[in-house]
Amino acid sequence: MTAPSTYGLSTQARNLQWLLTDLVEEVPGVNSVAVVSSDGLLLLSSDPGGAAAGNLARTKGPRGASADLATIVSGLGSLTTGAAELMDGGAVKQTMVAMEYGSVFVMAISDGSLLGVHATPDCDMSVVAYHMALFVGRAGHVLTPEVRSELRQSMEKTT
């Protein structure tokens, strides 16, 4: 994976990028990861400049696979939140879509942001979910409005 540039970023933003990189590199079966703000904007990605090294992800869209994953994560987040409201189910904690050739996981972060993971079909779903929960637990208190703004600006510079 090609790590995003951390030059000029705050310690909190660098730590979030490090946590994201660690999630992709240390969890077997994870292809790509994206953090999306509550308004659907991409904040962090495992491949901000396009497809990650060694990843077979498509490179369509303004930022390649990261833009596609961010769009999917945002859409699934909206859909499941609406479904939970209709069913009086409370807040959505996690969504998982298992497909023939992969899986997509979406987990809520405390500030309304979402963590999305695209994984291989043979990944251990419980391991992926566990590591996502660790990320959410570590990132939730760090994603302040200032850090979100900084991350958005950083992602805009990679296009």
C-alpha atoms as a PDB file:
ATOM      1  CA  MET A   1       0.000   0.000   0.000  1.00  0.00           C
ATOM      2  CA  THR A   2       1.165   3.481  -0.758  1.00  0.00           C
ATOM      3  CA  ALA A   3       0.827   5.585   2.356  1.00  0.00           C
ATOM      4  CA  PRO A   4      -0.671   9.046   1.959  1.00  0.00           C
ATOM      5  CA  SER A   5       1.532  12.033   2.614  1.00  0.00           C
ATOM      6  CA  THR A   6       1.371  13.190   6.208  1.00  0.00           C
ATOM      7  CA  TYR A   7       3.454  16.323   5.676  1.00  0.00           C
ATOM      8  CA  GLY A   8       1.894  19.315   7.388  1.00  0.00           C
ATOM      9  CA  LEU A   9      -0.873  17.354   9.111  1.00  0.00           C
ATOM     10  CA  SER A  10      -1.645  17.522  12.815  1.00  0.00           C
ATOM     11  CA  THR A  11      -0.668  14.677  15.109  1.00  0.00           C
ATOM     12  CA  GLN A  12      -4.319  13.554  15.312  1.00  0.00           C
ATOM     13  CA  ALA A  13      -4.675  13.392  11.507  1.00  0.00           C
ATOM     14  CA  ARG A  14      -1.375  11.514  11.158  1.00  0.00           C
ATOM     15  CA  ASN A  15      -2.475   9.037  13.833  1.00  0.00           C
ATOM     16  CA  LEU A  16      -5.746   8.385  12.008  1.00  0.00           C
ATOM     17  CA  GLN A  17      -3.878   7.762   8.771  1.00  0.00           C
ATOM     18  CA  TRP A  18      -1.551   5.409  10.606  1.00  0.00           C
ATOM     19  CA  LEU A  19      -4.514   3.505  12.099  1.00  0.00           C
ATOM     20  CA  LEU A  20      -6.099   3.196   8.659  1.00  0.00           C
ATOM     21  CA  THR A  21      -2.859   1.980   7.066  1.00  0.00           C
ATOM     22  CA  ASP A  22      -2.452  -0.534   9.881  1.00  0.00           C
ATOM     23  CA  LEU A  23      -5.980  -1.854   9.312  1.00  0.00           C
ATOM     24  CA  VAL A  24      -5.281  -2.520   5.632  1.00  0.00           C
ATOM     25  CA  GLU A  25      -1.825  -3.985   6.096  1.00  0.00           C
ATOM     26  CA  GLU A  26      -2.440  -6.106   9.200  1.00  0.00           C
ATOM     27  CA  VAL A  27      -5.888  -7.597   8.633  1.00  0.00           C
ATOM     28  CA  PRO A  28      -5.911 -10.478   6.137  1.00  0.00           C
ATOM     29  CA  GLY A  29      -8.366 -10.058   3.294  1.00  0.00           C
ATOM     30  CA  VAL A  30      -8.833  -6.285   3.548  1.00  0.00           C
ATOM     31  CA  ASN A  31      -8.535  -4.651   0.108  1.00  0.00           C
ATOM     32  CA  SER A  32      -9.324  -1.038   0.894  1.00  0.00           C
ATOM     33  CA  VAL A  33     -10.674   1.198   3.624  1.00  0.00           C
ATOM     34  CA  ALA A  34     -12.420   4.570   3.612  1.00  0.00           C
ATOM     35  CA  VAL A  35     -13.634   6.942   6.304  1.00  0.00           C
ATOM     36  CA  VAL A  36     -16.562   9.068   5.161  1.00  0.00           C
ATOM     37  CA  SER A  37     -17.968  12.092   6.975  1.00  0.00           C
ATOM     38  CA  SER A  38     -21.619  12.283   7.989  1.00  0.00           C
ATOM     39  CA  ASP A  39     -22.282  14.401   4.884  1.00  0.00           C
ATOM     40  CA  GLY A  40     -20.724  11.786   2.564  1.00  0.00           C
ATOM     41  CA  LEU A  41     -17.310  13.338   1.956  1.00  0.00           C
ATOM     42  CA  LEU A  42     -14.223  11.143   1.869  1.00  0.00           C
ATOM     43  CA  LEU A  43     -11.970  11.932   4.844  1.00  0.00           C
ATOM     44  CA  LEU A  44      -9.430   9.109   4.790  1.00  0.00           C
ATOM     45  CA  SER A  45      -8.632   6.376   2.325  1.00  0.00           C
ATOM     46  CA  SER A  46      -6.198   3.511   1.994  1.00  0.00           C
ATOM     47  CA  ASP A  47      -5.572   4.605  -1.597  1.00  0.00           C
ATOM     48  CA  PRO A  48      -6.056   8.390  -1.885  1.00  0.00           C
ATOM     49  CA  GLY A  49      -4.182   8.622  -5.175  1.00  0.00           C
ATOM     50  CA  GLY A  50      -5.842   5.669  -6.859  1.00  0.00           C
ATOM     51  CA  ALA A  51      -5.692   1.921  -6.408  1.00  0.00           C
ATOM     52  CA  ALA A  52      -3.439   0.741  -3.587  1.00  0.00           C
ATOM     53  CA  ALA A  53      -0.265  -1.090  -4.504  1.00  0.00           C
ATOM     54  CA  GLY A  54      -0.957  -4.761  -4.934  1.00  0.00           C
ATOM     55  CA  ASN A  55      -4.698  -4.152  -5.024  1.00  0.00           C
ATOM     56  CA  LEU A  56      -6.747  -5.173  -8.054  1.00  0.00           C
ATOM     57  CA  ALA A  57      -9.278  -2.414  -7.443  1.00  0.00           C
ATOM     58  CA  ARG A  58     -10.753  -0.486 -10.354  1.00  0.00           C
ATOM     59  CA  THR A  59      -9.366   2.962 -11.021  1.00  0.00           C
ATOM     60  CA  LYS A  60     -12.537   4.637 -12.316  1.00  0.00           C
ATOM     61  CA  GLY A  61     -13.818   7.842 -10.791  1.00  0.00           C
ATOM     62  CA  PRO A  62     -12.083  10.969  -9.543  1.00  0.00           C
ATOM     63  CA  ARG A  63      -9.925   9.155  -6.990  1.00  0.00           C
ATOM     64  CA  GLY A  64     -10.127   5.581  -8.192  1.00  0.00           C
ATOM     65  CA  ALA A  65     -11.333   2.845  -5.869  1.00  0.00           C
ATOM     66  CA  SER A  66     -11.425   5.155  -2.838  1.00  0.00           C
ATOM     67  CA  ALA A  67     -14.112   7.363  -4.413  1.00  0.00           C
ATOM     68  CA  ASP A  68     -16.163   4.290  -5.332  1.00  0.00           C
ATOM     69  CA  LEU A  69     -15.891   2.853  -1.806  1.00  0.00           C
ATOM     70  CA  ALA A  70     -16.769   6.224  -0.235  1.00  0.00           C
ATOM     71  CA  THR A  71     -19.886   6.458  -2.396  1.00  0.00           C
ATOM     72  CA  ILE A  72     -20.946   2.925  -1.467  1.00  0.00           C
ATOM     73  CA  VAL A  73     -20.283   3.504   2.248  1.00  0.00           C
ATOM     74  CA  SER A  74     -22.267   6.738   2.263  1.00  0.00           C
ATOM     75  CA  GLY A  75     -25.169   5.143   0.384  1.00  0.00           C
ATOM     76  CA  LEU A  76     -25.297   2.071   2.605  1.00  0.00           C
ATOM     77  CA  GLY A  77     -25.127   4.308   5.664  1.00  0.00           C
ATOM     78  CA  SER A  78     -28.131   6.323   4.479  1.00  0.00           C
ATOM     79  CA  LEU A  79     -30.091   3.252   3.450  1.00  0.00           C
ATOM     80  CA  THR A  80     -29.582   1.375   6.709  1.00  0.00           C
ATOM     81  CA  THR A  81     -30.265   4.465   8.824  1.00  0.00           C
ATOM     82  CA  GLY A  82     -33.553   4.946   6.997  1.00  0.00           C
ATOM     83  CA  ALA A  83     -34.429   1.278   7.421  1.00  0.00           C
ATOM     84  CA  ALA A  84     -33.631   1.417  11.143  1.00  0.00           C
ATOM     85  CA  GLU A  85     -35.874   4.459  11.561  1.00  0.00           C
ATOM     86  CA  LEU A  86     -38.767   2.749   9.753  1.00  0.00           C
ATOM     87  CA  MET A  87     -38.381  -0.315  11.974  1.00  0.00           C
ATOM     88  CA  ASP A  88     -37.777   1.626  15.210  1.00  0.00           C
ATOM     89  CA  GLY A  89     -34.465  -0.241  15.416  1.00  0.00           C
ATOM     90  CA  GLY A  90     -32.355   2.501  16.946  1.00  0.00           C
ATOM     91  CA  ALA A  91     -28.928   3.501  15.685  1.00  0.00           C
ATOM     92  CA  VAL A  92     -27.198   1.347  13.076  1.00  0.00           C
ATOM     93  CA  LYS A  93     -23.932  -0.001  14.429  1.00  0.00           C
ATOM     94  CA  GLN A  94     -22.695  -2.145  11.538  1.00  0.00           C
ATOM     95  CA  THR A  95     -23.740  -3.230   8.064  1.00  0.00           C
ATOM     96  CA  MET A  96     -22.244  -6.116   6.128  1.00  0.00           C
ATOM     97  CA  VAL A  97     -22.848  -7.057   2.500  1.00  0.00           C
ATOM     98  CA  ALA A  98     -21.491 -10.435   1.412  1.00  0.00           C
ATOM     99  CA  MET A  99     -21.091 -10.807  -2.351  1.00  0.00           C
ATOM    100  CA  GLU A 100     -19.782 -13.555  -4.567  1.00  0.00           C
ATOM    101  CA  TYR A 101     -16.438 -11.813  -5.086  1.00  0.00           C
ATOM    102  CA  GLY A 102     -16.047  -9.787  -1.904  1.00  0.00           C
ATOM    103  CA  SER A 103     -17.611  -8.175   1.135  1.00  0.00           C
ATOM    104  CA  VAL A 104     -18.318  -4.618   2.207  1.00  0.00           C
ATOM    105  CA  PHE A 105     -18.514  -3.657   5.865  1.00  0.00           C
ATOM    106  CA  VAL A 106     -19.766  -0.317   7.187  1.00  0.00           C
ATOM    107  CA  MET A 107     -19.458   0.709  10.829  1.00  0.00           C
ATOM    108  CA  ALA A 108     -20.635   3.911  12.474  1.00  0.00           C
ATOM    109  CA  ILE A 109     -18.120   6.193  14.162  1.00  0.00           C
ATOM    110  CA  SER A 110     -19.354   8.227  17.127  1.00  0.00           C
ATOM    111  CA  ASP A 111     -19.382  11.595  15.314  1.00  0.00           C
ATOM    112  CA  GLY A 112     -21.670  10.363  12.515  1.00  0.00           C
ATOM    113  CA  SER A 113     -18.796   9.435  10.222  1.00  0.00           C
ATOM    114  CA  LEU A 114     -18.610   5.948   8.766  1.00  0.00           C
ATOM    115  CA  LEU A 115     -15.793   3.435   8.392  1.00  0.00           C
ATOM    116  CA  GLY A 116     -16.046   1.300   5.275  1.00  0.00           C
ATOM    117  CA  VAL A 117     -14.007  -1.773   4.388  1.00  0.00           C
ATOM    118  CA  HIS A 118     -13.901  -3.717   1.130  1.00  0.00           C
ATOM    119  CA  ALA A 119     -12.599  -7.242   1.739  1.00  0.00           C
ATOM    120  CA  THR A 120     -12.040 -10.459  -0.158  1.00  0.00           C
ATOM    121  CA  PRO A 121     -14.768 -13.121  -0.169  1.00  0.00           C
ATOM    122  CA  ASP A 122     -12.638 -15.472   1.912  1.00  0.00           C
ATOM    123  CA  CYS A 123     -11.857 -12.977   4.692  1.00  0.00           C
ATOM    124  CA  ASP A 124     -12.644 -13.894   8.271  1.00  0.00           C
ATOM    125  CA  MET A 125     -15.611 -11.578   8.823  1.00  0.00           C
ATOM    126  CA  SER A 126     -15.307 -11.665  12.603  1.00  0.00           C
ATOM    127  CA  VAL A 127     -11.646 -10.612  12.420  1.00  0.00           C
ATOM    128  CA  VAL A 128     -12.466  -7.752  10.033  1.00  0.00           C
ATOM    129  CA  ALA A 129     -15.349  -6.603  12.264  1.00  0.00           C
ATOM    130  CA  TYR A 130     -13.157  -6.810  15.371  1.00  0.00           C
ATOM    131  CA  HIS A 131     -10.412  -4.655  13.832  1.00  0.00           C
ATOM    132  CA  MET A 132     -12.995  -2.193  12.536  1.00  0.00           C
ATOM    133  CA  ALA A 133     -14.377  -1.881  16.078  1.00  0.00           C
ATOM    134  CA  LEU A 134     -10.857  -1.215  17.358  1.00  0.00           C
ATOM    135  CA  PHE A 135     -10.407   1.523  14.734  1.00  0.00           C
ATOM    136  CA  VAL A 136     -13.773   3.087  15.604  1.00  0.00           C
ATOM    137  CA  GLY A 137     -12.926   3.009  19.305  1.00  0.00           C
ATOM    138  CA  ARG A 138      -9.603   4.735  18.721  1.00  0.00           C
ATOM    139  CA  ALA A 139     -10.782   7.194  16.055  1.00  0.00           C
ATOM    140  CA  GLY A 140     -14.143   8.269  17.442  1.00  0.00           C
ATOM    141  CA  HIS A 141     -12.852  10.796  19.947  1.00  0.00           C
ATOM    142  CA  VAL A 142     -10.181  12.130  17.567  1.00  0.00           C
ATOM    143  CA  LEU A 143     -12.506  13.066  14.678  1.00  0.00           C
ATOM    144  CA  THR A 144     -13.202  16.581  15.881  1.00  0.00           C
ATOM    145  CA  PRO A 145     -14.591  19.180  13.470  1.00  0.00           C
ATOM    146  CA  GLU A 146     -11.080  20.606  13.092  1.00  0.00           C
ATOM    147  CA  VAL A 147      -9.540  17.228  12.209  1.00  0.00           C
ATOM    148  CA  ARG A 148     -12.389  16.426   9.795  1.00  0.00           C
ATOM    149  CA  SER A 149     -11.799  19.742   8.028  1.00  0.00           C
ATOM    150  CA  GLU A 150      -8.063  19.084   7.875  1.00  0.00           C
ATOM    151  CA  LEU A 151      -8.600  15.594   6.438  1.00  0.00           C
ATOM    152  CA  ARG A 152     -11.046  16.883   3.816  1.00  0.00           C
ATOM    153  CA  GLN A 153      -8.517  19.475   2.682  1.00  0.00           C
ATOM    154  CA  SER A 154      -5.811  16.812   2.575  1.00  0.00           C
ATOM    155  CA  MET A 155      -7.981  14.551   0.393  1.00  0.00           C
ATOM    156  CA  GLU A 156      -8.768  17.448  -1.968  1.00  0.00           C
ATOM    157  CA  LYS A 157      -5.043  17.971  -2.526  1.00  0.00           C
ATOM    158  CA  THR A 158      -4.618  14.361  -3.722  1.00  0.00           C
ATOM    159  CA  THR A 159      -6.946  14.836  -6.702  1.00  0.00           C
END
